[in-house]
Amino acid sequence: MRLPQAEPEEVDIALIGVPFDGGTTNRPGARHGPRELRNQSSLVRRVHHVTGISPFDLVRVADCGDVATNPFDLDDSLKRISDFYARVKKAGAVPLTAGGDHLISLPILRGLASDGPLGMIHFDAHTDTYDSFFGTSRYNHGTPFRRAIEEGLLDPKRVVQIGLRGAISDASNYDWAKEQGIRLVFIEELTERGVASVMDEAKKIVGAKPIYVSFDIDVIDPSFAPGTGTPEIGGVTTREAQALVRALSGLKISGADLVEVSPPFDQGGITAITGATMMFELLCVLAEGKAKR
């Protein structure tokens, strides 16, 4: 967003890249997401045309660089990420992250949830609450929120997942999430009820306590955002995505991420510009809340 570089201790909101796709199970490339999101974010302007918010005038915002992940060691990468976000939390900054595959949300939550479990509003085609892939892989982009709940980082009764869809590998895939009390909103319900109704319910569920926001680009239909690892047709439009994020206003958000942009599968940068624009939408909500606090 043409912002200066800074350290987390110098800002109110820290833009951070996590170039990691070591948890990818299908099409790789999300490790290049932060670079291309930065490229396309040069098109972002100052003032939100609906809310009138200029986040850069409300709070101190800067690019705090990339977490130095280890592409050869998943466990080391997870530790590096969690350590970095623990530093961000200690500094009092709110992180807004460019991923990376969705596994990065787990170590981010490890760094941020030291005071107790967070709630979460999660926009995605998939729940990412599976137990393992291939019988052994418990740490991948399909498992981060199951691990986060098991580790006490998320309160499942304050978790809402919106935009779910697509065929599943087993009829029981959603059972664990439902048993934990997660509120699952499938795309059909979102379409029938509308954004305002679903987000009103989501905000009541998470309440006034701190939450995390995770936005997987594949919640958006691949006709708008083809550059992602696990595309699912029948998703939300970009306009609906903007409305969903704008409805987060008023919540106490401890951090947010936008993940799963994979530039090698993109067409003309359309996915990356969509992701960068959604990060601006998130930034406006974060800045408004941070300034009020």
Protein backbone atom coordinates (compact mmCIF):
# COMPACT_ATOMS: atom_id res chain seq x y z
CA MET A 1 0.00 0.00 0.00
CA ARG A 2 3.06 2.23 -0.55
CA LEU A 3 3.55 2.41 3.22
CA PRO A 4 6.85 2.91 5.03
CA GLN A 5 8.67 0.00 6.59
CA ALA A 6 8.73 -0.18 10.39
CA GLU A 7 9.07 -2.49 13.38
CA PRO A 8 5.95 -3.76 15.23
CA GLU A 9 6.89 -1.64 18.24
CA GLU A 10 6.48 1.51 16.13
CA VAL A 11 2.96 0.98 14.83
CA ASP A 12 -0.67 0.45 15.80
CA ILE A 13 -1.40 -1.92 12.89
CA ALA A 14 1.34 -4.08 11.43
CA LEU A 15 1.06 -5.39 7.86
CA ILE A 16 3.01 -8.65 7.78
CA GLY A 17 3.75 -11.21 5.11
CA VAL A 18 4.07 -14.93 5.80
CA PRO A 19 5.53 -16.53 2.65
CA PHE A 20 4.75 -20.15 3.48
CA ASP A 21 2.91 -22.97 1.74
CA GLY A 22 4.41 -25.95 3.53
CA GLY A 23 0.93 -26.97 4.63
CA THR A 24 -0.55 -27.12 1.13
CA THR A 25 -2.26 -30.35 0.12
CA ASN A 26 -3.19 -29.54 -3.46
CA ARG A 27 -1.96 -26.73 -5.74
CA PRO A 28 1.07 -24.93 -4.23
CA GLY A 29 2.30 -21.36 -4.70
CA ALA A 30 0.81 -19.45 -1.77
CA ARG A 31 4.33 -18.75 -0.51
CA HIS A 32 4.46 -16.16 -3.31
CA GLY A 33 1.21 -14.56 -2.12
CA PRO A 34 2.71 -11.79 0.05
CA ARG A 35 4.95 -10.59 -2.78
CA GLU A 36 2.15 -10.32 -5.32
CA LEU A 37 -0.31 -8.87 -2.80
CA ARG A 38 2.25 -6.14 -2.14
CA ASN A 39 2.63 -5.55 -5.89
CA GLN A 40 -1.10 -5.18 -6.46
CA SER A 41 -1.62 -3.16 -3.27
CA SER A 42 0.17 -0.25 -4.94
CA LEU A 43 -3.25 0.44 -6.49
CA VAL A 44 -4.86 0.97 -3.07
CA ARG A 45 -5.86 4.56 -2.31
CA ARG A 46 -6.34 6.43 0.95
CA VAL A 47 -10.05 6.80 1.72
CA HIS A 48 -12.83 4.19 1.81
CA HIS A 49 -15.55 5.37 -0.54
CA VAL A 50 -18.45 4.15 1.68
CA THR A 51 -17.34 4.71 5.25
CA GLY A 52 -15.05 7.67 4.61
CA ILE A 53 -12.39 6.02 6.76
CA SER A 54 -8.77 6.82 5.97
CA PRO A 55 -6.92 4.22 8.04
CA PHE A 56 -3.54 5.85 7.42
CA ASP A 57 -4.79 9.04 9.10
CA LEU A 58 -6.47 7.29 12.04
CA VAL A 59 -3.59 5.12 13.25
CA ARG A 60 0.07 4.34 12.59
CA VAL A 61 0.23 1.69 9.85
CA ALA A 62 3.35 0.28 8.24
CA ASP A 63 4.75 -2.75 6.44
CA CYS A 64 6.62 -4.81 9.01
CA GLY A 65 8.09 -7.18 6.45
CA ASP A 66 7.93 -10.94 6.13
CA VAL A 67 8.34 -13.61 8.76
CA ALA A 68 11.51 -15.53 7.90
CA THR A 69 9.97 -18.97 7.40
CA ASN A 70 11.96 -22.15 6.77
CA PRO A 71 10.80 -23.88 3.56
CA PHE A 72 12.56 -27.11 4.55
CA ASP A 73 11.19 -27.51 8.08
CA LEU A 74 7.48 -27.19 8.87
CA ASP A 75 7.90 -27.29 12.66
CA ASP A 76 10.62 -24.65 12.59
CA SER A 77 8.44 -22.43 10.40
CA LEU A 78 5.52 -22.74 12.82
CA LYS A 79 7.77 -21.71 15.71
CA ARG A 80 9.24 -18.78 13.80
CA ILE A 81 5.74 -17.53 12.97
CA SER A 82 4.38 -17.90 16.52
CA ASP A 83 7.45 -16.18 18.00
CA PHE A 84 7.06 -13.26 15.59
CA TYR A 85 3.39 -12.77 16.47
CA ALA A 86 4.07 -13.03 20.18
CA ARG A 87 6.41 -10.07 19.66
CA VAL A 88 3.68 -8.21 17.75
CA LYS A 89 1.22 -8.81 20.57
CA LYS A 90 3.74 -7.66 23.19
CA ALA A 91 4.28 -4.49 21.16
CA GLY A 92 0.55 -3.76 21.31
CA ALA A 93 0.14 -3.78 17.53
CA VAL A 94 -2.75 -5.42 15.68
CA PRO A 95 -1.43 -7.67 12.89
CA LEU A 96 -2.95 -7.80 9.42
CA THR A 97 -1.33 -10.71 7.61
CA ALA A 98 -0.83 -11.58 3.95
CA GLY A 99 -0.43 -15.34 3.52
CA GLY A 100 0.68 -17.95 2.83
CA ASP A 101 -1.50 -21.04 3.08
CA HIS A 102 -4.08 -21.38 5.82
CA LEU A 103 -1.85 -23.32 8.20
CA ILE A 104 -0.22 -20.00 9.10
CA SER A 105 -3.31 -19.07 11.12
CA LEU A 106 -2.39 -21.68 13.74
CA PRO A 107 1.00 -20.23 14.76
CA ILE A 108 -0.42 -16.71 14.48
CA LEU A 109 -3.08 -17.69 17.01
CA ARG A 110 -0.40 -19.26 19.21
CA GLY A 111 1.28 -15.87 19.31
CA LEU A 112 -1.87 -13.84 19.91
CA ALA A 113 -4.02 -15.98 22.25
CA SER A 114 -1.74 -15.96 25.28
CA ASP A 115 -4.42 -14.27 27.41
CA GLY A 116 -7.05 -16.90 26.68
CA PRO A 117 -9.04 -18.31 23.77
CA LEU A 118 -10.27 -15.96 21.07
CA GLY A 119 -13.48 -16.05 19.12
CA MET A 120 -13.25 -16.11 15.33
CA ILE A 121 -15.17 -15.12 12.22
CA HIS A 122 -13.81 -17.19 9.37
CA PHE A 123 -14.66 -16.68 5.69
CA ASP A 124 -13.84 -19.80 3.70
CA ALA A 125 -15.13 -22.51 1.38
CA HIS A 126 -13.73 -25.07 3.85
CA THR A 127 -13.89 -25.46 7.63
CA ASP A 128 -10.18 -26.36 8.01
CA THR A 129 -11.14 -28.45 11.03
CA TYR A 130 -10.06 -31.83 9.67
CA ASP A 131 -7.93 -34.06 11.88
CA SER A 132 -5.29 -35.22 9.41
CA PHE A 133 -4.54 -35.83 5.76
CA PHE A 134 -3.14 -39.08 4.41
CA GLY A 135 -3.41 -40.56 7.90
CA THR A 136 -0.33 -38.79 9.26
CA SER A 137 -0.29 -35.08 8.41
CA ARG A 138 -1.90 -33.28 11.36
CA TYR A 139 -0.42 -29.90 10.44
CA ASN A 140 -1.59 -28.66 7.05
CA HIS A 141 -3.91 -26.04 5.62
CA GLY A 142 -6.95 -28.24 6.25
CA THR A 143 -6.34 -28.66 9.99
CA PRO A 144 -5.34 -25.31 11.60
CA PHE A 145 -8.58 -24.58 13.43
CA ARG A 146 -8.98 -28.09 14.81
CA ARG A 147 -5.48 -27.81 16.29
CA ALA A 148 -6.25 -24.28 17.54
CA ILE A 149 -9.36 -25.47 19.38
CA GLU A 150 -7.52 -28.47 20.82
CA GLU A 151 -4.76 -26.14 22.06
CA GLY A 152 -7.25 -23.76 23.69
CA LEU A 153 -6.49 -20.90 21.31
CA LEU A 154 -10.08 -20.62 20.05
CA ASP A 155 -13.39 -20.91 21.88
CA PRO A 156 -15.42 -23.06 19.45
CA LYS A 157 -18.72 -21.69 20.74
CA ARG A 158 -17.56 -18.25 19.57
CA VAL A 159 -16.45 -19.40 16.12
CA VAL A 160 -18.51 -18.72 12.98
CA GLN A 161 -17.48 -20.06 9.57
CA ILE A 162 -19.15 -18.46 6.55
CA GLY A 163 -19.29 -19.43 2.88
CA LEU A 164 -18.75 -23.19 3.20
CA ARG A 165 -19.36 -25.32 0.13
CA GLY A 166 -18.06 -28.02 -2.17
CA ALA A 167 -18.03 -31.80 -2.19
CA ILE A 168 -16.32 -33.46 0.76
CA SER A 169 -14.22 -36.60 1.00
CA ASP A 170 -16.38 -38.21 3.70
CA ALA A 171 -19.90 -37.67 5.00
CA SER A 172 -18.53 -37.19 8.52
CA ASN A 173 -16.20 -34.30 7.64
CA TYR A 174 -18.33 -31.68 9.40
CA ASP A 175 -19.22 -33.77 12.44
CA TRP A 176 -16.33 -32.70 14.67
CA ALA A 177 -16.90 -29.00 14.03
CA LYS A 178 -20.61 -29.33 14.82
CA GLU A 179 -19.86 -31.30 18.00
CA GLN A 180 -17.62 -28.48 19.23
CA GLY A 181 -20.39 -25.92 18.77
CA ILE A 182 -18.94 -24.10 15.77
CA ARG A 183 -21.60 -22.23 13.77
CA LEU A 184 -21.34 -23.38 10.15
CA VAL A 185 -22.93 -21.15 7.52
CA PHE A 186 -23.01 -22.82 4.12
CA ILE A 187 -23.17 -20.76 0.96
CA GLU A 188 -26.81 -21.74 0.39
CA GLU A 189 -27.83 -20.27 3.75
CA LEU A 190 -25.82 -17.12 3.12
CA THR A 191 -27.48 -16.70 -0.29
CA GLU A 192 -30.97 -17.29 1.11
CA ARG A 193 -30.66 -15.06 4.18
CA GLY A 194 -28.32 -12.39 2.85
CA VAL A 195 -25.14 -10.83 4.21
CA ALA A 196 -26.77 -8.51 6.76
CA SER A 197 -28.77 -11.25 8.48
CA VAL A 198 -25.87 -13.71 8.65
CA MET A 199 -23.42 -11.11 9.93
CA ASP A 200 -25.88 -9.88 12.57
CA GLU A 201 -26.04 -13.43 13.91
CA ALA A 202 -22.27 -13.87 13.68
CA LYS A 203 -21.66 -10.70 15.68
CA LYS A 204 -24.06 -11.86 18.39
CA ILE A 205 -22.28 -15.22 18.61
CA VAL A 206 -18.76 -13.78 19.00
CA GLY A 207 -19.94 -10.99 21.29
CA ALA A 208 -17.82 -8.22 22.77
CA LYS A 209 -14.75 -10.29 23.62
CA PRO A 210 -11.64 -10.32 21.38
CA ILE A 211 -11.82 -12.25 18.14
CA TYR A 212 -9.63 -13.17 15.20
CA VAL A 213 -10.72 -12.76 11.57
CA SER A 214 -9.48 -15.15 8.90
CA PHE A 215 -10.30 -14.58 5.23
CA ASP A 216 -9.46 -17.37 2.78
CA ILE A 217 -9.56 -16.01 -0.76
CA ASP A 218 -11.33 -19.19 -1.87
CA VAL A 219 -14.53 -18.04 -0.15
CA ILE A 220 -14.81 -15.89 -3.29
CA ASP A 221 -15.98 -17.66 -6.43
CA PRO A 222 -13.03 -18.68 -8.64
CA SER A 223 -14.52 -16.71 -11.54
CA PHE A 224 -13.41 -13.66 -9.51
CA ALA A 225 -10.37 -15.21 -7.79
CA PRO A 226 -8.92 -18.16 -9.73
CA GLY A 227 -5.43 -17.96 -8.21
CA THR A 228 -5.85 -20.22 -5.21
CA GLY A 229 -4.93 -23.75 -4.22
CA THR A 230 -8.35 -25.31 -3.67
CA PRO A 231 -10.96 -23.47 -5.77
CA GLU A 232 -14.66 -24.23 -5.25
CA ILE A 233 -17.29 -22.89 -7.65
CA GLY A 234 -20.47 -21.29 -6.33
CA GLY A 235 -18.76 -18.83 -3.99
CA VAL A 236 -19.48 -15.26 -2.97
CA THR A 237 -18.98 -12.36 -5.34
CA THR A 238 -16.38 -9.70 -4.66
CA ARG A 239 -19.19 -7.27 -3.79
CA GLU A 240 -20.62 -9.70 -1.23
CA ALA A 241 -17.12 -10.22 0.20
CA GLN A 242 -16.75 -6.50 0.72
CA ALA A 243 -20.12 -6.35 2.48
CA LEU A 244 -19.16 -9.26 4.76
CA VAL A 245 -15.96 -7.55 5.88
CA ARG A 246 -17.57 -4.13 6.31
CA ALA A 247 -20.09 -5.74 8.66
CA LEU A 248 -17.23 -6.58 11.06
CA SER A 249 -17.25 -2.95 12.21
CA GLY A 250 -17.66 -2.62 15.97
CA LEU A 251 -16.06 -5.95 16.91
CA LYS A 252 -12.94 -6.20 19.05
CA ILE A 253 -10.50 -7.70 16.55
CA SER A 254 -7.10 -8.83 17.80
CA GLY A 255 -5.77 -9.66 14.35
CA ALA A 256 -6.75 -10.71 10.85
CA ASP A 257 -5.31 -12.55 7.90
CA LEU A 258 -5.93 -13.00 4.19
CA VAL A 259 -4.59 -16.29 2.92
CA GLU A 260 -4.32 -18.76 0.03
CA VAL A 261 -3.54 -16.36 -2.82
CA SER A 262 -1.42 -18.44 -5.21
CA PRO A 263 0.03 -16.23 -7.98
CA PRO A 264 1.14 -19.13 -10.25
CA PHE A 265 -2.55 -19.96 -10.80
CA ASP A 266 -3.72 -16.36 -11.11
CA GLN A 267 -4.90 -14.68 -14.32
CA GLY A 268 -3.71 -11.14 -14.93
CA GLY A 269 -3.31 -10.46 -11.22
CA ILE A 270 -7.09 -10.53 -10.64
CA THR A 271 -6.85 -12.68 -7.51
CA ALA A 272 -4.03 -10.62 -6.02
CA ILE A 273 -5.79 -7.30 -6.63
CA THR A 274 -8.92 -8.79 -5.07
CA GLY A 275 -6.87 -9.94 -2.08
CA ALA A 276 -5.13 -6.58 -1.70
CA THR A 277 -8.47 -4.77 -1.88
CA MET A 278 -9.95 -7.09 0.76
CA MET A 279 -6.92 -6.35 2.95
CA PHE A 280 -7.75 -2.65 2.61
CA GLU A 281 -11.33 -3.42 3.64
CA LEU A 282 -9.99 -5.29 6.69
CA LEU A 283 -7.53 -2.49 7.43
CA CYS A 284 -10.33 0.09 7.53
CA VAL A 285 -12.27 -2.00 10.08
CA LEU A 286 -9.14 -2.62 12.17
CA ALA A 287 -8.12 1.03 12.10
CA GLU A 288 -11.58 2.21 13.13
CA GLY A 289 -11.61 -0.18 16.10
CA LYS A 290 -8.03 0.52 17.14
CA ALA A 291 -8.58 4.29 17.02
CA LYS A 292 -11.69 4.02 19.22
CA ARG A 293 -9.85 1.85 21.78
